[in-house]
Amino acid sequence: MPRKKYQDITLAQMNELRREPKAVVVDVREPWEFEEFNEGGVNIPLSKIREDRKLLEDHDPIIVICTNGTRSKVAAMDYCRVPAWAEKTIYHLKGGILEVE
């Protein structure tokens, strides 16, 4: 079976997608970074994405973001490996929220 892949998106695409009823934005930065500046959504630090995965079970699509796109890419790849999430659409904010400012 081919491996599921995430899709890179822009900030404009993220803002469009997040309007979908079951969409969620997952910020995988540390809590202090999230408090300093964020784009909304839920804060699940990269180190906790596996143990907190249940928080996202009812959501689709899942949009993963971080500062520059590095941690969110790791998280998006991990989410793509979840067998139960084969039907979910996983998005990754290319370039991260630094592209926002």
Protein backbone atom coordinates (compact mmCIF):
# COMPACT_ATOMS: atom_id res chain seq x y z
CA MET A 1 0.00 0.00 0.00
CA PRO A 2 1.45 3.41 -0.90
CA ARG A 3 2.31 5.66 2.01
CA LYS A 4 -0.15 8.46 2.69
CA LYS A 5 1.26 11.94 2.07
CA TYR A 6 0.44 15.35 3.50
CA GLN A 7 -0.11 18.40 1.31
CA ASP A 8 1.85 21.65 1.63
CA ILE A 9 -0.38 24.71 1.75
CA THR A 10 -0.03 28.50 1.97
CA LEU A 11 -1.40 30.72 4.72
CA ALA A 12 -4.26 31.82 2.45
CA GLN A 13 -5.17 28.17 1.80
CA MET A 14 -4.97 27.43 5.54
CA ASN A 15 -7.36 30.27 6.34
CA GLU A 16 -9.79 28.92 3.75
CA LEU A 17 -9.52 25.29 4.93
CA ARG A 18 -9.90 26.11 8.61
CA ARG A 19 -13.48 27.24 7.90
CA GLU A 20 -14.52 23.65 7.23
CA PRO A 21 -16.72 22.38 10.11
CA LYS A 22 -14.38 19.59 11.28
CA ALA A 23 -11.06 21.29 10.44
CA VAL A 24 -8.44 21.84 13.12
CA VAL A 25 -5.17 23.78 13.15
CA VAL A 26 -2.51 22.04 15.26
CA ASP A 27 0.39 24.23 16.39
CA VAL A 28 3.25 21.88 17.33
CA ARG A 29 5.47 24.53 18.93
CA GLU A 30 6.21 24.66 22.66
CA PRO A 31 3.55 26.26 24.91
CA TRP A 32 5.68 29.37 25.56
CA GLU A 33 6.02 29.93 21.80
CA PHE A 34 2.26 29.49 21.36
CA GLU A 35 1.57 32.02 24.13
CA GLU A 36 3.95 34.55 22.55
CA PHE A 37 2.30 34.46 19.12
CA ASN A 38 -0.11 32.07 17.45
CA GLU A 39 -2.53 31.61 14.58
CA GLY A 40 -5.14 30.00 16.80
CA GLY A 41 -6.01 26.32 16.85
CA VAL A 42 -4.80 23.82 19.41
CA ASN A 43 -1.30 23.69 20.85
CA ILE A 44 0.13 20.15 20.91
CA PRO A 45 3.94 20.34 21.19
CA LEU A 46 5.81 18.03 18.82
CA SER A 47 7.01 15.92 21.78
CA LYS A 48 3.36 15.16 22.69
CA ILE A 49 1.79 14.54 19.25
CA ARG A 50 1.51 10.79 19.75
CA GLU A 51 0.12 10.81 23.30
CA ASP A 52 -2.35 13.62 22.46
CA ARG A 53 -3.46 12.19 19.10
CA LYS A 54 -6.88 11.30 20.54
CA LEU A 55 -7.67 15.04 20.74
CA LEU A 56 -7.71 15.12 16.93
CA GLU A 57 -9.73 11.99 16.18
CA ASP A 58 -12.95 13.87 15.35
CA HIS A 59 -11.22 16.37 13.04
CA ASP A 60 -10.65 16.32 9.30
CA PRO A 61 -8.80 18.05 7.76
CA ILE A 62 -5.86 18.43 10.13
CA ILE A 63 -3.63 21.44 9.42
CA VAL A 64 -0.21 21.31 11.12
CA ILE A 65 1.82 24.48 11.73
CA CYS A 66 4.98 25.65 13.55
CA THR A 67 7.47 28.52 13.37
CA ASN A 68 9.33 27.74 10.13
CA GLY A 69 7.77 24.51 8.90
CA THR A 70 10.37 22.06 10.24
CA ARG A 71 8.56 20.64 13.29
CA SER A 72 5.18 20.72 11.56
CA LYS A 73 6.59 18.66 8.68
CA VAL A 74 7.74 15.99 11.18
CA ALA A 75 4.28 16.00 12.80
CA ALA A 76 2.48 15.86 9.44
CA MET A 77 4.58 12.84 8.41
CA ASP A 78 3.80 11.15 11.73
CA TYR A 79 0.05 11.80 11.35
CA CYS A 80 0.21 10.29 7.86
CA ARG A 81 1.46 7.02 9.40
CA VAL A 82 -1.62 6.55 11.61
CA PRO A 83 -3.53 3.61 10.06
CA ALA A 84 -6.87 4.78 11.47
CA TRP A 85 -6.37 8.16 9.81
CA ALA A 86 -6.00 6.81 6.27
CA GLU A 87 -9.07 8.77 5.13
CA LYS A 88 -8.11 12.04 6.84
CA THR A 89 -6.55 14.89 4.89
CA ILE A 90 -3.35 16.21 6.49
CA TYR A 91 -2.06 19.65 5.53
CA HIS A 92 1.24 21.34 6.39
CA LEU A 93 1.72 25.12 6.42
CA LYS A 94 4.75 25.48 4.16
CA GLY A 95 7.31 27.88 5.59
CA GLY A 96 5.52 28.05 8.92
CA ILE A 97 4.05 31.07 10.65
CA LEU A 98 7.20 33.10 10.00
CA GLU A 99 5.74 33.51 6.53
CA VAL A 100 2.77 35.19 8.20
CA GLU A 101 4.50 38.17 9.79
